[in-house]
Amino acid sequence: MTTDHAPDRPRATNPGRARKLLALAPLAVLLVVGAVVVVRLSNTAVTAPTAGPTSAVGPSAAELTDIARQALKNAKPEQAEPLLKEGVERFPSDQALRLTYAEVLISRQKFAEAYEQYDRAVALGEDRAEYRFAAGMAASQAGLSDHAEAQWLRARELDRANPQYPLFLAQLQRKAGRNADARANLMMAVKLDPALAVGWGTLAAIALDENHAGPALQHVEKAIALEPSQGLWRVLKAKILRRDNRPREALDAVLAMPPAERALTPGALDEIAACHGLLNEPRAAADVYIQRLDEAPEDADAAYNAAIWLQRAADPERAAAYAKRAAMLGKAEAKALVESLEKPATP
């Protein structure tokens, strides 16, 4: 997902490429969006009155903020960090200074320290949804999930018209296994923005988790209609159909994607192979990974999966060859597979 606007009204956009299909629109990807929003806070921050007169021994709070923003613009946050660290000690009640310091710390990947600054900043001046959103983003990246949830709940309260806040809450709750809470927030998000494809897609994934194939299929069809070029939704549709014992339809759903897109969409090749497996076509499943190796010879997972499917196709010699290749490429499980394939058959 990307944003091209100020963080006070962040829009929900494409979810990006997840590594695990059932964790659609994963928090790690959403955090990338949030990080962009956080960095852009300096463009909209409201400057709180500086405590006390300007110091005669150094720049004012406003001057320090301007210096830091220029450093961020020049992609040199390391130059601003020590200045701002000293600055917040001299001007502890300046909200804009702390917000800018937090942005710099985010750029330096010091997420826990950034969260501390955001948390202090929101108590100093105007309490705005985008500040809470940024605080939650820093907390998430620091692994402080409870703090992130609290901040995003507050952001949702401050701006009930913005679908991004319940969307992010839902992703956090889904990651924690709280599907009921996540579903409630997702329904809120798609009500606010019916064109929110990632919301419908994640609702589909939750329904699939709960073995509700009908609602899952309805939700994913909405996601596909909204983002027909997003292969992730088509792979999810195939997974739903396969779970509903409709492997041929599932296979067709993935094969409808252009080959280049299939190769780049996480889970697509695995889904094709799984469908072939249900159709009792293990050699076709193996061929999926063999073809992948033609394009990416160093793909250890592809070599290992090719071996697994060749073993199921009663072709132990070729299976062993690919298992050895996977082992050489660093696939830990491949060694045991080689040993099992080369073990003499019991008379």
Protein backbone atom coordinates (compact mmCIF):
# COMPACT_ATOMS: atom_id res chain seq x y z
CA MET A 1 0.00 0.00 0.00
CA THR A 2 1.08 3.50 -0.55
CA THR A 3 -0.06 6.94 0.51
CA ASP A 4 0.25 10.17 -1.38
CA HIS A 5 -1.36 12.60 0.99
CA ALA A 6 -1.13 14.07 4.47
CA PRO A 7 -1.56 11.67 7.36
CA ASP A 8 -4.64 13.32 8.81
CA ARG A 9 -6.80 11.35 6.35
CA PRO A 10 -4.81 8.30 5.32
CA ARG A 11 -6.61 6.19 2.72
CA ALA A 12 -6.71 2.43 2.53
CA THR A 13 -5.00 1.15 -0.56
CA ASN A 14 -3.37 -2.03 -1.86
CA PRO A 15 -2.18 -4.47 0.81
CA GLY A 16 1.16 -5.46 -0.75
CA ARG A 17 2.63 -8.94 -1.00
CA ALA A 18 2.18 -11.09 2.09
CA ARG A 19 4.43 -14.00 2.82
CA LYS A 20 1.61 -16.01 4.40
CA LEU A 21 -1.66 -16.05 2.56
CA LEU A 22 -3.91 -16.58 5.56
CA ALA A 23 -2.39 -13.50 7.21
CA LEU A 24 -3.70 -11.28 4.43
CA ALA A 25 -2.60 -7.66 4.54
CA PRO A 26 -0.18 -8.54 7.28
CA LEU A 27 0.79 -6.04 9.87
CA ALA A 28 4.38 -5.97 8.64
CA VAL A 29 3.20 -4.65 5.28
CA LEU A 30 0.75 -2.24 6.80
CA LEU A 31 3.54 -0.90 8.94
CA VAL A 32 5.38 0.18 5.83
CA VAL A 33 2.43 2.40 5.02
CA GLY A 34 2.28 3.66 8.52
CA ALA A 35 5.96 4.50 8.52
CA VAL A 36 5.38 6.74 5.51
CA VAL A 37 2.52 8.43 7.33
CA VAL A 38 4.67 8.88 10.42
CA VAL A 39 7.49 10.50 8.49
CA ARG A 40 5.03 12.92 6.90
CA LEU A 41 3.66 14.09 10.23
CA SER A 42 6.15 16.95 10.17
CA ASN A 43 4.16 18.47 7.32
CA THR A 44 0.99 18.78 9.41
CA ALA A 45 2.20 19.02 13.01
CA VAL A 46 0.64 21.79 15.07
CA THR A 47 3.31 23.66 16.99
CA ALA A 48 2.52 23.93 20.66
CA PRO A 49 3.70 27.03 22.53
CA THR A 50 7.30 26.65 23.60
CA ALA A 51 7.81 26.54 27.34
CA GLY A 52 9.75 29.56 28.44
CA PRO A 53 11.76 32.05 26.35
CA THR A 54 14.20 31.08 23.62
CA SER A 55 17.49 29.94 25.08
CA ALA A 56 20.42 32.22 24.52
CA VAL A 57 22.82 29.31 24.32
CA GLY A 58 21.35 27.53 21.32
CA PRO A 59 18.67 27.41 18.65
CA SER A 60 15.04 27.84 19.57
CA ALA A 61 12.60 24.94 19.48
CA ALA A 62 11.21 26.16 16.17
CA GLU A 63 14.70 26.42 14.70
CA LEU A 64 15.58 22.92 15.86
CA THR A 65 12.37 21.61 14.32
CA ASP A 66 13.18 23.27 11.01
CA ILE A 67 16.73 21.88 11.04
CA ALA A 68 15.44 18.39 11.73
CA ARG A 69 12.81 18.55 9.01
CA GLN A 70 15.44 19.60 6.52
CA ALA A 71 17.63 16.71 7.61
CA LEU A 72 14.71 14.32 7.08
CA LYS A 73 14.11 15.82 3.67
CA ASN A 74 17.77 15.24 2.83
CA ALA A 75 17.59 11.65 4.15
CA LYS A 76 20.11 12.45 6.89
CA PRO A 77 18.22 11.83 10.15
CA GLU A 78 21.44 10.92 11.94
CA GLN A 79 22.42 14.60 11.81
CA ALA A 80 19.21 15.67 13.50
CA GLU A 81 19.01 13.04 16.24
CA PRO A 82 21.56 14.48 18.70
CA LEU A 83 20.22 18.02 18.20
CA LEU A 84 16.68 16.93 18.95
CA LYS A 85 17.70 14.81 21.91
CA GLU A 86 19.21 17.91 23.48
CA GLY A 87 16.30 20.00 22.25
CA VAL A 88 13.58 18.06 24.03
CA GLU A 89 15.59 18.36 27.25
CA ARG A 90 15.70 22.13 26.84
CA PHE A 91 12.11 22.47 25.62
CA PRO A 92 10.28 19.50 27.22
CA SER A 93 6.80 20.92 26.60
CA ASP A 94 7.12 21.63 22.88
CA GLN A 95 4.81 19.21 21.07
CA ALA A 96 6.09 19.87 17.56
CA LEU A 97 9.68 19.28 18.65
CA ARG A 98 8.84 15.92 20.20
CA LEU A 99 6.81 14.86 17.18
CA THR A 100 9.72 15.68 14.92
CA TYR A 101 12.14 13.87 17.22
CA ALA A 102 9.88 10.82 17.01
CA GLU A 103 9.98 10.98 13.20
CA VAL A 104 13.75 11.09 13.27
CA LEU A 105 13.87 8.11 15.62
CA ILE A 106 11.55 6.18 13.29
CA SER A 107 13.92 6.93 10.43
CA ARG A 108 16.72 5.57 12.61
CA GLN A 109 14.61 2.45 13.34
CA LYS A 110 14.57 3.23 17.04
CA PHE A 111 10.91 2.36 17.39
CA ALA A 112 10.59 2.04 21.17
CA GLU A 113 12.25 5.43 21.69
CA ALA A 114 10.03 6.92 18.98
CA TYR A 115 6.94 5.59 20.72
CA GLU A 116 8.04 7.21 23.98
CA GLN A 117 8.29 10.57 22.23
CA TYR A 118 4.92 10.22 20.52
CA ASP A 119 3.31 9.15 23.79
CA ARG A 120 4.68 12.23 25.52
CA ALA A 121 3.84 14.53 22.62
CA VAL A 122 0.12 13.72 22.52
CA ALA A 123 -0.21 14.93 26.12
CA LEU A 124 1.37 18.30 25.39
CA GLY A 125 -1.01 19.91 22.92
CA GLU A 126 -3.86 19.14 20.59
CA ASP A 127 -4.83 15.47 20.66
CA ARG A 128 -5.17 14.53 16.98
CA ALA A 129 -6.00 11.20 15.39
CA GLU A 130 -2.93 11.21 13.17
CA TYR A 131 -0.66 11.65 16.18
CA ARG A 132 -2.27 8.65 17.88
CA PHE A 133 -2.00 6.69 14.66
CA ALA A 134 1.71 7.48 14.45
CA ALA A 135 2.20 6.55 18.09
CA GLY A 136 0.49 3.21 17.47
CA MET A 137 2.63 2.61 14.43
CA ALA A 138 5.82 3.14 16.42
CA ALA A 139 4.52 0.88 19.19
CA SER A 140 3.70 -1.86 16.69
CA GLN A 141 7.15 -1.75 15.18
CA ALA A 142 8.62 -1.89 18.68
CA GLY A 143 6.58 -5.00 19.46
CA LEU A 144 4.38 -3.15 21.96
CA SER A 145 1.08 -4.51 20.69
CA ASP A 146 -1.02 -3.48 23.69
CA HIS A 147 0.19 0.10 23.42
CA ALA A 148 -0.42 0.09 19.67
CA GLU A 149 -3.99 -1.08 20.16
CA ALA A 150 -4.66 1.58 22.79
CA GLN A 151 -3.31 4.32 20.52
CA TRP A 152 -5.30 3.15 17.49
CA LEU A 153 -8.47 2.86 19.57
CA ARG A 154 -7.98 6.49 20.54
CA ALA A 155 -7.34 7.46 16.90
CA ARG A 156 -10.59 5.74 15.93
CA GLU A 157 -12.45 7.70 18.62
CA LEU A 158 -10.96 10.99 17.45
CA ASP A 159 -11.78 10.40 13.79
CA ARG A 160 -14.73 8.07 13.33
CA ALA A 161 -14.93 8.81 9.59
CA ASN A 162 -11.53 7.37 8.72
CA PRO A 163 -11.54 3.66 7.73
CA GLN A 164 -7.79 3.32 8.16
CA TYR A 165 -7.94 3.26 11.94
CA PRO A 166 -10.36 0.32 12.35
CA LEU A 167 -8.49 -1.41 9.53
CA PHE A 168 -5.17 -1.26 11.37
CA LEU A 169 -6.84 -2.29 14.60
CA ALA A 170 -8.30 -5.31 12.83
CA GLN A 171 -4.93 -6.40 11.51
CA LEU A 172 -3.42 -6.19 14.98
CA GLN A 173 -6.29 -8.12 16.52
CA ARG A 174 -6.23 -10.74 13.79
CA LYS A 175 -2.53 -11.30 14.38
CA ALA A 176 -3.35 -11.90 18.05
CA GLY A 177 -5.99 -14.47 17.11
CA ARG A 178 -8.92 -12.26 18.13
CA ASN A 179 -10.99 -12.83 15.04
CA ALA A 180 -14.26 -11.58 16.53
CA ASP A 181 -12.73 -8.19 17.40
CA ALA A 182 -10.96 -8.04 14.07
CA ARG A 183 -14.16 -8.81 12.17
CA ALA A 184 -16.04 -6.04 14.00
CA ASN A 185 -13.41 -3.48 13.08
CA LEU A 186 -13.23 -4.71 9.50
CA MET A 187 -16.99 -4.36 9.14
CA MET A 188 -16.67 -0.82 10.44
CA ALA A 189 -13.90 -0.10 7.95
CA VAL A 190 -15.74 -1.43 4.89
CA LYS A 191 -18.90 0.40 5.95
CA LEU A 192 -16.92 3.62 5.96
CA ASP A 193 -15.24 2.73 2.67
CA PRO A 194 -17.00 -0.01 0.66
CA ALA A 195 -14.14 0.11 -1.88
CA LEU A 196 -11.64 -1.09 0.73
CA ALA A 197 -10.44 -4.26 -0.97
CA VAL A 198 -8.05 -5.23 1.82
CA GLY A 199 -10.94 -5.08 4.27
CA TRP A 200 -13.06 -7.48 2.20
CA GLY A 201 -10.05 -9.72 1.59
CA THR A 202 -9.23 -9.98 5.27
CA LEU A 203 -12.88 -10.68 6.09
CA ALA A 204 -12.67 -13.52 3.57
CA ALA A 205 -9.55 -14.90 5.24
CA ILE A 206 -11.22 -14.82 8.67
CA ALA A 207 -14.29 -16.59 7.30
CA LEU A 208 -12.00 -19.21 5.78
CA ASP A 209 -10.27 -19.67 9.13
CA GLU A 210 -13.67 -20.42 10.61
CA ASN A 211 -14.63 -22.80 7.77
CA HIS A 212 -17.42 -20.57 6.47
CA ALA A 213 -16.80 -21.07 2.77
CA GLY A 214 -19.92 -19.26 1.56
CA PRO A 215 -19.27 -15.90 3.26
CA ALA A 216 -15.54 -16.24 2.53
CA LEU A 217 -16.24 -16.58 -1.19
CA GLN A 218 -18.63 -13.62 -1.16
CA HIS A 219 -16.06 -11.40 0.54
CA VAL A 220 -13.18 -12.39 -1.70
CA GLU A 221 -15.27 -11.83 -4.83
CA LYS A 222 -15.76 -8.23 -3.66
CA ALA A 223 -12.01 -7.85 -3.17
CA ILE A 224 -11.36 -9.22 -6.67
CA ALA A 225 -13.93 -6.89 -8.22
CA LEU A 226 -12.29 -3.93 -6.51
CA GLU A 227 -8.71 -4.98 -7.31
CA PRO A 228 -8.78 -7.36 -10.28
CA SER A 229 -5.03 -7.06 -10.80
CA GLN A 230 -4.20 -8.14 -7.23
CA GLY A 231 -3.20 -11.78 -7.50
CA LEU A 232 -3.39 -12.31 -3.74
CA TRP A 233 -7.18 -12.22 -3.86
CA ARG A 234 -7.32 -14.83 -6.62
CA VAL A 235 -5.07 -17.13 -4.65
CA LEU A 236 -7.30 -16.69 -1.63
CA LYS A 237 -10.33 -17.51 -3.78
CA ALA A 238 -8.61 -20.70 -4.92
CA LYS A 239 -7.86 -21.65 -1.33
CA ILE A 240 -11.51 -21.15 -0.39
CA LEU A 241 -12.72 -23.24 -3.33
CA ARG A 242 -10.22 -25.99 -2.59
CA ARG A 243 -11.28 -26.05 1.07
CA ASP A 244 -14.85 -26.43 -0.23
CA ASN A 245 -13.73 -29.51 -2.21
CA ARG A 246 -13.84 -27.73 -5.57
CA PRO A 247 -10.23 -28.22 -6.71
CA ARG A 248 -10.87 -27.82 -10.43
CA GLU A 249 -12.52 -24.44 -9.94
CA ALA A 250 -9.75 -23.50 -7.54
CA LEU A 251 -7.11 -24.41 -10.09
CA ASP A 252 -8.87 -22.40 -12.79
CA ALA A 253 -8.97 -19.38 -10.48
CA VAL A 254 -5.18 -19.33 -10.14
CA LEU A 255 -4.42 -20.30 -13.73
CA ALA A 256 -6.49 -17.32 -14.85
CA MET A 257 -3.63 -15.15 -13.61
CA PRO A 258 -0.87 -14.28 -16.12
CA PRO A 259 2.15 -16.59 -15.63
CA ALA A 260 4.44 -13.71 -14.65
CA GLU A 261 1.98 -12.58 -12.00
CA ARG A 262 1.59 -16.12 -10.67
CA ALA A 263 5.34 -16.39 -10.23
CA LEU A 264 5.41 -13.18 -8.17
CA THR A 265 2.33 -13.79 -6.04
CA PRO A 266 3.10 -15.52 -2.72
CA GLY A 267 1.20 -18.76 -2.37
CA ALA A 268 0.17 -19.05 -6.02
CA LEU A 269 2.47 -21.92 -6.96
CA ASP A 270 1.71 -23.78 -3.74
CA GLU A 271 -1.99 -23.44 -4.41
CA ILE A 272 -1.65 -24.79 -7.96
CA ALA A 273 0.29 -27.78 -6.67
CA ALA A 274 -2.23 -28.42 -3.91
CA CYS A 275 -5.07 -28.39 -6.43
CA HIS A 276 -3.23 -30.89 -8.63
CA GLY A 277 -2.75 -33.02 -5.57
CA LEU A 278 -6.48 -33.11 -4.82
CA LEU A 279 -7.08 -33.97 -8.47
CA ASN A 280 -4.71 -36.95 -8.06
CA GLU A 281 -2.12 -35.37 -10.37
CA PRO A 282 1.12 -35.48 -8.31
CA ARG A 283 3.38 -35.27 -11.36
CA ALA A 284 1.66 -32.09 -12.46
CA ALA A 285 2.18 -30.75 -8.94
CA ALA A 286 5.89 -31.60 -9.14
CA ASP A 287 6.12 -29.87 -12.51
CA VAL A 288 4.93 -26.64 -10.91
CA TYR A 289 8.11 -26.54 -8.81
CA ILE A 290 10.39 -27.94 -11.51
CA GLN A 291 9.33 -25.08 -13.78
CA ARG A 292 9.98 -22.67 -10.93
CA LEU A 293 13.53 -24.01 -10.66
CA ASP A 294 14.08 -23.25 -14.33
CA GLU A 295 13.50 -19.58 -13.46
CA ALA A 296 15.06 -19.60 -9.99
CA PRO A 297 17.69 -22.39 -9.70
CA GLU A 298 18.59 -21.39 -6.13
CA ASP A 299 15.07 -21.82 -4.77
CA ALA A 300 15.55 -24.49 -2.10
CA ASP A 301 11.85 -24.64 -1.24
CA ALA A 302 10.95 -25.34 -4.86
CA ALA A 303 13.49 -28.18 -5.04
CA TYR A 304 12.18 -29.67 -1.81
CA ASN A 305 8.54 -29.45 -2.89
CA ALA A 306 9.39 -31.00 -6.26
CA ALA A 307 10.95 -33.92 -4.38
CA ILE A 308 7.90 -34.34 -2.17
CA TRP A 309 5.50 -34.49 -5.09
CA LEU A 310 7.77 -36.81 -7.10
CA GLN A 311 7.85 -39.13 -4.11
CA ARG A 312 4.05 -39.14 -4.11
CA ALA A 313 4.14 -39.83 -7.83
CA ALA A 314 6.14 -43.02 -7.12
CA ASP A 315 9.29 -41.64 -8.75
CA PRO A 316 11.86 -42.03 -5.93
CA GLU A 317 14.93 -41.65 -8.12
CA ARG A 318 13.99 -38.19 -9.38
CA ALA A 319 12.63 -37.31 -5.97
CA ALA A 320 16.00 -38.08 -4.40
CA ALA A 321 17.79 -35.94 -6.98
CA TYR A 322 15.66 -32.91 -6.13
CA ALA A 323 15.88 -33.61 -2.40
CA LYS A 324 19.68 -33.61 -2.64
CA ARG A 325 19.53 -30.36 -4.55
CA ALA A 326 17.33 -28.84 -1.84
CA ALA A 327 19.76 -30.03 0.83
CA MET A 328 22.69 -28.46 -1.02
CA LEU A 329 20.73 -25.21 -1.21
CA GLY A 330 20.26 -25.22 2.56
CA LYS A 331 16.82 -26.73 3.09
CA ALA A 332 17.11 -28.36 6.51
CA GLU A 333 14.29 -30.86 6.04
CA ALA A 334 15.74 -32.14 2.79
CA LYS A 335 18.45 -34.26 4.41
CA ALA A 336 15.92 -36.48 6.16
CA LEU A 337 13.97 -36.80 2.93
CA VAL A 338 17.09 -37.93 1.07
CA GLU A 339 17.77 -40.55 3.71
CA SER A 340 14.21 -41.88 3.56
CA LEU A 341 14.28 -42.04 -0.23
CA GLU A 342 17.63 -43.87 -0.34
CA LYS A 343 16.75 -46.29 2.45
CA PRO A 344 16.48 -49.80 1.04
CA ALA A 345 12.94 -51.07 0.81
CA THR A 346 12.00 -53.62 3.48
CA PRO A 347 11.55 -57.07 1.90
